Amino acid sequence: MTAALYVDACQQDPRHANREVAQRLGIPVEHVRDRIYAARIAGLLTAGPGRGRAGGHLTPKAREALAAIEPREGEEG
């Protein structure tokens, strides 16, 4: 999930979070930006610390979605 990668990248270096996620996924930075915007609209990612500033946290809705797609320990994925 792009939002989870974004949250991790923001904790490391918020100034380059979109670029880091784009490199990890092999997609253009613009696509990351669009996906993050969509995640916020869908209620998967909270707002950042201010307009134009990177950040935010996964919502409970996003955590549930991640739990549903991640393989459980001991299972093949």
PDB file of N, CA and C in Angstrom:
ATOM      1  N   MET A   1       0.849  -1.175   0.000  1.00  0.00           N
ATOM      2  CA  MET A   1       0.000   0.000   0.000  1.00  0.00           C
ATOM      3  C   MET A   1       0.897   1.241   0.000  1.00  0.00           C
ATOM      4  N   THR A   2       0.659   2.115  -0.931  1.00  0.00           N
ATOM      5  CA  THR A   2       1.459   3.318  -1.093  1.00  0.00           C
ATOM      6  C   THR A   2       1.447   4.178   0.164  1.00  0.00           C
ATOM      7  N   ALA A   3       0.315   4.296   0.821  1.00  0.00           N
ATOM      8  CA  ALA A   3       0.221   5.137   2.016  1.00  0.00           C
ATOM      9  C   ALA A   3       1.153   4.641   3.113  1.00  0.00           C
ATOM     10  N   ALA A   4       1.265   3.341   3.299  1.00  0.00           N
ATOM     11  CA  ALA A   4       2.147   2.791   4.334  1.00  0.00           C
ATOM     12  C   ALA A   4       3.606   3.085   4.008  1.00  0.00           C
ATOM     13  N   LEU A   5       3.981   2.936   2.754  1.00  0.00           N
ATOM     14  CA  LEU A   5       5.348   3.273   2.343  1.00  0.00           C
ATOM     15  C   LEU A   5       5.623   4.756   2.550  1.00  0.00           C
ATOM     16  N   TYR A   6       4.631   5.567   2.268  1.00  0.00           N
ATOM     17  CA  TYR A   6       4.755   7.010   2.428  1.00  0.00           C
ATOM     18  C   TYR A   6       4.972   7.394   3.893  1.00  0.00           C
ATOM     19  N   VAL A   7       4.212   6.802   4.784  1.00  0.00           N
ATOM     20  CA  VAL A   7       4.361   7.094   6.214  1.00  0.00           C
ATOM     21  C   VAL A   7       5.770   6.724   6.666  1.00  0.00           C
ATOM     22  N   ASP A   8       6.253   5.567   6.252  1.00  0.00           N
ATOM     23  CA  ASP A   8       7.613   5.155   6.601  1.00  0.00           C
ATOM     24  C   ASP A   8       8.643   6.136   6.042  1.00  0.00           C
ATOM     25  N   ALA A   9       8.474   6.529   4.792  1.00  0.00           N
ATOM     26  CA  ALA A   9       9.417   7.456   4.162  1.00  0.00           C
ATOM     27  C   ALA A   9       9.401   8.820   4.849  1.00  0.00           C
ATOM     28  N   CYS A  10       8.241   9.266   5.284  1.00  0.00           N
ATOM     29  CA  CYS A  10       8.134  10.556   5.985  1.00  0.00           C
ATOM     30  C   CYS A  10       8.880  10.532   7.308  1.00  0.00           C
ATOM     31  N   GLN A  11       8.900   9.398   7.957  1.00  0.00           N
ATOM     32  CA  GLN A  11       9.623   9.291   9.219  1.00  0.00           C
ATOM     33  C   GLN A  11      11.128   9.365   9.001  1.00  0.00           C
ATOM     34  N   GLN A  12      11.585   8.893   7.843  1.00  0.00           N
ATOM     35  CA  GLN A  12      13.015   8.925   7.540  1.00  0.00           C
ATOM     36  C   GLN A  12      13.453  10.296   7.042  1.00  0.00           C
ATOM     37  N   ASP A  13      12.745  10.825   6.051  1.00  0.00           N
ATOM     38  CA  ASP A  13      13.118  12.112   5.444  1.00  0.00           C
ATOM     39  C   ASP A  13      11.890  12.716   4.772  1.00  0.00           C
ATOM     40  N   PRO A  14      11.115  13.503   5.518  1.00  0.00           N
ATOM     41  CA  PRO A  14       9.862  14.022   4.955  1.00  0.00           C
ATOM     42  C   PRO A  14      10.052  14.896   3.715  1.00  0.00           C
ATOM     43  N   ARG A  15      11.208  15.500   3.563  1.00  0.00           N
ATOM     44  CA  ARG A  15      11.428  16.363   2.390  1.00  0.00           C
ATOM     45  C   ARG A  15      11.507  15.567   1.092  1.00  0.00           C
ATOM     46  N   HIS A  16      11.839  14.283   1.186  1.00  0.00           N
ATOM     47  CA  HIS A  16      11.992  13.466  -0.020  1.00  0.00           C
ATOM     48  C   HIS A  16      11.128  12.216   0.003  1.00  0.00           C
ATOM     49  N   ALA A  17      10.044  12.255   0.760  1.00  0.00           N
ATOM     50  CA  ALA A  17       9.193  11.073   0.926  1.00  0.00           C
ATOM     51  C   ALA A  17       8.602  10.592  -0.400  1.00  0.00           C
ATOM     52  N   ASN A  18       8.058  11.506  -1.190  1.00  0.00           N
ATOM     53  CA  ASN A  18       7.453  11.093  -2.460  1.00  0.00           C
ATOM     54  C   ASN A  18       8.486  10.464  -3.386  1.00  0.00           C
ATOM     55  N   ARG A  19       9.660  11.054  -3.433  1.00  0.00           N
ATOM     56  CA  ARG A  19      10.720  10.523  -4.299  1.00  0.00           C
ATOM     57  C   ARG A  19      11.139   9.129  -3.845  1.00  0.00           C
ATOM     58  N   GLU A  20      11.269   8.929  -2.537  1.00  0.00           N
ATOM     59  CA  GLU A  20      11.656   7.624  -2.000  1.00  0.00           C
ATOM     60  C   GLU A  20      10.618   6.559  -2.354  1.00  0.00           C
ATOM     61  N   VAL A  21       9.347   6.879  -2.176  1.00  0.00           N
ATOM     62  CA  VAL A  21       8.282   5.924  -2.494  1.00  0.00           C
ATOM     63  C   VAL A  21       8.259   5.636  -3.996  1.00  0.00           C
ATOM     64  N   ALA A  22       8.421   6.658  -4.798  1.00  0.00           N
ATOM     65  CA  ALA A  22       8.445   6.475  -6.255  1.00  0.00           C
ATOM     66  C   ALA A  22       9.556   5.521  -6.665  1.00  0.00           C
ATOM     67  N   GLN A  23      10.725   5.686  -6.070  1.00  0.00           N
ATOM     68  CA  GLN A  23      11.844   4.794  -6.391  1.00  0.00           C
ATOM     69  C   GLN A  23      11.559   3.365  -5.959  1.00  0.00           C
ATOM     70  N   ARG A  24      10.976   3.202  -4.777  1.00  0.00           N
ATOM     71  CA  ARG A  24      10.680   1.858  -4.282  1.00  0.00           C
ATOM     72  C   ARG A  24       9.640   1.150  -5.140  1.00  0.00           C
ATOM     73  N   LEU A  25       8.663   1.912  -5.647  1.00  0.00           N
ATOM     74  CA  LEU A  25       7.598   1.310  -6.450  1.00  0.00           C
ATOM     75  C   LEU A  25       7.890   1.309  -7.940  1.00  0.00           C
ATOM     76  N   GLY A  26       8.886   2.082  -8.347  1.00  0.00           N
ATOM     77  CA  GLY A  26       9.205   2.167  -9.771  1.00  0.00           C
ATOM     78  C   GLY A  26       8.157   2.926 -10.565  1.00  0.00           C
ATOM     79  N   ILE A  27       7.599   3.969  -9.958  1.00  0.00           N
ATOM     80  CA  ILE A  27       6.582   4.779 -10.629  1.00  0.00           C
ATOM     81  C   ILE A  27       6.992   6.252 -10.552  1.00  0.00           C
ATOM     82  N   PRO A  28       6.407   7.100 -11.383  1.00  0.00           N
ATOM     83  CA  PRO A  28       6.730   8.530 -11.324  1.00  0.00           C
ATOM     84  C   PRO A  28       6.288   9.176 -10.010  1.00  0.00           C
ATOM     85  N   VAL A  29       7.022  10.187  -9.602  1.00  0.00           N
ATOM     86  CA  VAL A  29       6.706  10.917  -8.369  1.00  0.00           C
ATOM     87  C   VAL A  29       5.288  11.475  -8.425  1.00  0.00           C
ATOM     88  N   GLU A  30       4.842  11.899  -9.590  1.00  0.00           N
ATOM     89  CA  GLU A  30       3.498  12.455  -9.729  1.00  0.00           C
ATOM     90  C   GLU A  30       2.434  11.428  -9.371  1.00  0.00           C
ATOM     91  N   HIS A  31       2.695  10.172  -9.680  1.00  0.00           N
ATOM     92  CA  HIS A  31       1.734   9.118  -9.358  1.00  0.00           C
ATOM     93  C   HIS A  31       1.670   8.906  -7.848  1.00  0.00           C
ATOM     94  N   VAL A  32       2.819   8.998  -7.196  1.00  0.00           N
ATOM     95  CA  VAL A  32       2.828   8.879  -5.733  1.00  0.00           C
ATOM     96  C   VAL A  32       1.996  10.006  -5.134  1.00  0.00           C
ATOM     97  N   ARG A  33       2.237  11.219  -5.596  1.00  0.00           N
ATOM     98  CA  ARG A  33       1.483  12.375  -5.102  1.00  0.00           C
ATOM     99  C   ARG A  33      -0.013  12.145  -5.252  1.00  0.00           C
ATOM    100  N   ASP A  34      -0.426  11.666  -6.414  1.00  0.00           N
ATOM    101  CA  ASP A  34      -1.844  11.419  -6.671  1.00  0.00           C
ATOM    102  C   ASP A  34      -2.399  10.317  -5.762  1.00  0.00           C
ATOM    103  N   ARG A  35      -1.603   9.269  -5.539  1.00  0.00           N
ATOM    104  CA  ARG A  35      -2.050   8.170  -4.680  1.00  0.00           C
ATOM    105  C   ARG A  35      -2.181   8.626  -3.228  1.00  0.00           C
ATOM    106  N   ILE A  36      -1.269   9.479  -2.776  1.00  0.00           N
ATOM    107  CA  ILE A  36      -1.341   9.985  -1.406  1.00  0.00           C
ATOM    108  C   ILE A  36      -2.581  10.860  -1.242  1.00  0.00           C
ATOM    109  N   TYR A  37      -2.850  11.698  -2.219  1.00  0.00           N
ATOM    110  CA  TYR A  37      -4.053  12.532  -2.187  1.00  0.00           C
ATOM    111  C   TYR A  37      -5.300  11.642  -2.116  1.00  0.00           C
ATOM    112  N   ALA A  38      -5.342  10.602  -2.944  1.00  0.00           N
ATOM    113  CA  ALA A  38      -6.488   9.686  -2.960  1.00  0.00           C
ATOM    114  C   ALA A  38      -6.615   8.950  -1.626  1.00  0.00           C
ATOM    115  N   ALA A  39      -5.490   8.587  -1.022  1.00  0.00           N
ATOM    116  CA  ALA A  39      -5.528   7.898   0.272  1.00  0.00           C
ATOM    117  C   ALA A  39      -6.104   8.805   1.349  1.00  0.00           C
ATOM    118  N   ARG A  40      -5.769  10.082   1.301  1.00  0.00           N
ATOM    119  CA  ARG A  40      -6.327  11.022   2.283  1.00  0.00           C
ATOM    120  C   ARG A  40      -7.843  11.162   2.078  1.00  0.00           C
ATOM    121  N   ILE A  41      -8.270  11.287   0.829  1.00  0.00           N
ATOM    122  CA  ILE A  41      -9.696  11.421   0.507  1.00  0.00           C
ATOM    123  C   ILE A  41     -10.464  10.162   0.932  1.00  0.00           C
ATOM    124  N   ALA A  42      -9.848   8.992   0.755  1.00  0.00           N
ATOM    125  CA  ALA A  42     -10.503   7.724   1.097  1.00  0.00           C
ATOM    126  C   ALA A  42     -10.480   7.428   2.596  1.00  0.00           C
ATOM    127  N   GLY A  43      -9.825   8.281   3.367  1.00  0.00           N
ATOM    128  CA  GLY A  43      -9.780   8.074   4.808  1.00  0.00           C
ATOM    129  C   GLY A  43      -8.752   7.054   5.252  1.00  0.00           C
ATOM    130  N   LEU A  44      -7.721   6.839   4.426  1.00  0.00           N
ATOM    131  CA  LEU A  44      -6.672   5.884   4.769  1.00  0.00           C
ATOM    132  C   LEU A  44      -5.451   6.559   5.394  1.00  0.00           C
ATOM    133  N   LEU A  45      -5.344   7.865   5.204  1.00  0.00           N
ATOM    134  CA  LEU A  45      -4.178   8.613   5.660  1.00  0.00           C
ATOM    135  C   LEU A  45      -4.651   9.937   6.232  1.00  0.00           C
ATOM    136  N   THR A  46      -4.137  10.273   7.416  1.00  0.00           N
ATOM    137  CA  THR A  46      -4.521  11.539   8.032  1.00  0.00           C
ATOM    138  C   THR A  46      -3.846  12.699   7.313  1.00  0.00           C
ATOM    139  N   ALA A  47      -4.291  13.892   7.613  1.00  0.00           N
ATOM    140  CA  ALA A  47      -3.691  15.088   7.017  1.00  0.00           C
ATOM    141  C   ALA A  47      -2.262  15.244   7.505  1.00  0.00           C
ATOM    142  N   GLY A  48      -1.451  15.921   6.700  1.00  0.00           N
ATOM    143  CA  GLY A  48      -0.084  16.215   7.085  1.00  0.00           C
ATOM    144  C   GLY A  48      -0.044  17.349   8.097  1.00  0.00           C
ATOM    145  N   PRO A  49       1.162  17.745   8.507  1.00  0.00           N
ATOM    146  CA  PRO A  49       1.295  18.779   9.536  1.00  0.00           C
ATOM    147  C   PRO A  49       0.951  20.190   9.067  1.00  0.00           C
ATOM    148  N   GLY A  50       0.747  20.363   7.788  1.00  0.00           N
ATOM    149  CA  GLY A  50       0.384  21.676   7.265  1.00  0.00           C
ATOM    150  C   GLY A  50       0.306  21.628   5.759  1.00  0.00           C
ATOM    151  N   ARG A  51      -0.270  22.634   5.188  1.00  0.00           N
ATOM    152  CA  ARG A  51      -0.440  22.675   3.735  1.00  0.00           C
ATOM    153  C   ARG A  51       0.911  22.563   3.037  1.00  0.00           C
ATOM    154  N   GLY A  52       1.015  21.594   2.147  1.00  0.00           N
ATOM    155  CA  GLY A  52       2.238  21.400   1.380  1.00  0.00           C
ATOM    156  C   GLY A  52       3.366  20.731   2.143  1.00  0.00           C
ATOM    157  N   ARG A  53       3.075  20.253   3.357  1.00  0.00           N
ATOM    158  CA  ARG A  53       4.110  19.595   4.153  1.00  0.00           C
ATOM    159  C   ARG A  53       3.821  18.108   4.223  1.00  0.00           C
ATOM    160  N   ALA A  54       4.857  17.308   4.066  1.00  0.00           N
ATOM    161  CA  ALA A  54       4.723  15.853   4.069  1.00  0.00           C
ATOM    162  C   ALA A  54       4.422  15.342   5.464  1.00  0.00           C
ATOM    163  N   GLY A  55       3.634  14.288   5.529  1.00  0.00           N
ATOM    164  CA  GLY A  55       3.365  13.650   6.806  1.00  0.00           C
ATOM    165  C   GLY A  55       1.973  13.074   6.859  1.00  0.00           C
ATOM    166  N   GLY A  56       1.635  12.583   7.998  1.00  0.00           N
ATOM    167  CA  GLY A  56       0.356  11.946   8.216  1.00  0.00           C
ATOM    168  C   GLY A  56       0.564  10.559   8.789  1.00  0.00           C
ATOM    169  N   HIS A  57      -0.516   9.956   9.201  1.00  0.00           N
ATOM    170  CA  HIS A  57      -0.477   8.626   9.807  1.00  0.00           C
ATOM    171  C   HIS A  57      -1.555   7.761   9.175  1.00  0.00           C
ATOM    172  N   LEU A  58      -1.311   6.469   9.195  1.00  0.00           N
ATOM    173  CA  LEU A  58      -2.332   5.546   8.719  1.00  0.00           C
ATOM    174  C   LEU A  58      -3.514   5.578   9.677  1.00  0.00           C
ATOM    175  N   THR A  59      -4.688   5.518   9.128  1.00  0.00           N
ATOM    176  CA  THR A  59      -5.904   5.483   9.940  1.00  0.00           C
ATOM    177  C   THR A  59      -6.213   4.020  10.299  1.00  0.00           C
ATOM    178  N   PRO A  60      -7.111   3.808  11.243  1.00  0.00           N
ATOM    179  CA  PRO A  60      -7.527   2.428  11.545  1.00  0.00           C
ATOM    180  C   PRO A  60      -8.050   1.701  10.302  1.00  0.00           C
ATOM    181  N   LYS A  61      -8.735   2.413   9.433  1.00  0.00           N
ATOM    182  CA  LYS A  61      -9.246   1.822   8.188  1.00  0.00           C
ATOM    183  C   LYS A  61      -8.089   1.290   7.342  1.00  0.00           C
ATOM    184  N   ALA A  62      -7.003   2.042   7.247  1.00  0.00           N
ATOM    185  CA  ALA A  62      -5.838   1.610   6.469  1.00  0.00           C
ATOM    186  C   ALA A  62      -5.164   0.419   7.123  1.00  0.00           C
ATOM    187  N   ARG A  63      -5.058   0.436   8.442  1.00  0.00           N
ATOM    188  CA  ARG A  63      -4.435  -0.688   9.147  1.00  0.00           C
ATOM    189  C   ARG A  63      -5.230  -1.974   8.944  1.00  0.00           C
ATOM    190  N   GLU A  64      -6.549  -1.859   8.938  1.00  0.00           N
ATOM    191  CA  GLU A  64      -7.385  -3.031   8.679  1.00  0.00           C
ATOM    192  C   GLU A  64      -7.154  -3.561   7.268  1.00  0.00           C
ATOM    193  N   ALA A  65      -7.065  -2.653   6.300  1.00  0.00           N
ATOM    194  CA  ALA A  65      -6.832  -3.066   4.911  1.00  0.00           C
ATOM    195  C   ALA A  65      -5.479  -3.751   4.772  1.00  0.00           C
ATOM    196  N   LEU A  66      -4.459  -3.218   5.433  1.00  0.00           N
ATOM    197  CA  LEU A  66      -3.135  -3.838   5.379  1.00  0.00           C
ATOM    198  C   LEU A  66      -3.154  -5.223   6.019  1.00  0.00           C
ATOM    199  N   ALA A  67      -3.829  -5.342   7.140  1.00  0.00           N
ATOM    200  CA  ALA A  67      -3.897  -6.630   7.821  1.00  0.00           C
ATOM    201  C   ALA A  67      -4.576  -7.677   6.943  1.00  0.00           C
ATOM    202  N   ALA A  68      -5.517  -7.249   6.138  1.00  0.00           N
ATOM    203  CA  ALA A  68      -6.246  -8.182   5.276  1.00  0.00           C
ATOM    204  C   ALA A  68      -5.395  -8.679   4.113  1.00  0.00           C
ATOM    205  N   ILE A  69      -4.408  -7.890   3.684  1.00  0.00           N
ATOM    206  CA  ILE A  69      -3.612  -8.301   2.524  1.00  0.00           C
ATOM    207  C   ILE A  69      -2.242  -8.856   2.890  1.00  0.00           C
ATOM    208  N   GLU A  70      -1.761  -8.587   4.093  1.00  0.00           N
ATOM    209  CA  GLU A  70      -0.466  -9.098   4.496  1.00  0.00           C
ATOM    210  C   GLU A  70      -0.616 -10.551   4.943  1.00  0.00           C
ATOM    211  N   PRO A  71       0.330 -11.413   4.525  1.00  0.00           N
ATOM    212  CA  PRO A  71       0.241 -12.797   4.976  1.00  0.00           C
ATOM    213  C   PRO A  71       0.484 -12.889   6.480  1.00  0.00           C
ATOM    214  N   ARG A  72      -0.248 -13.747   7.110  1.00  0.00           N
ATOM    215  CA  ARG A  72      -0.065 -13.940   8.551  1.00  0.00           C
ATOM    216  C   ARG A  72       1.167 -14.801   8.794  1.00  0.00           C
ATOM    217  N   GLU A  73       1.739 -14.658   9.963  1.00  0.00           N
ATOM    218  CA  GLU A  73       2.940 -15.426  10.297  1.00  0.00           C
ATOM    219  C   GLU A  73       2.668 -16.911  10.151  1.00  0.00           C
ATOM    220  N   GLY A  74       3.576 -17.600   9.488  1.00  0.00           N
ATOM    221  CA  GLY A  74       3.427 -19.018   9.277  1.00  0.00           C
ATOM    222  C   GLY A  74       2.680 -19.395   8.014  1.00  0.00           C
ATOM    223  N   GLU A  75       2.130 -18.404   7.320  1.00  0.00           N
ATOM    224  CA  GLU A  75       1.415 -18.658   6.067  1.00  0.00           C
ATOM    225  C   GLU A  75       2.273 -18.211   4.900  1.00  0.00           C
ATOM    226  N   GLU A  76       2.085 -18.871   3.786  1.00  0.00           N
ATOM    227  CA  GLU A  76       2.786 -18.440   2.582  1.00  0.00           C
ATOM    228  C   GLU A  76       2.063 -17.238   1.995  1.00  0.00           C
ATOM    229  N   GLY A  77       2.821 -16.328   1.411  1.00  0.00           N
ATOM    230  CA  GLY A  77       2.185 -15.148   0.854  1.00  0.00           C
ATOM    231  C   GLY A  77       2.559 -14.948  -0.505  1.00  0.00           C
TER     232      GLY A  77
END
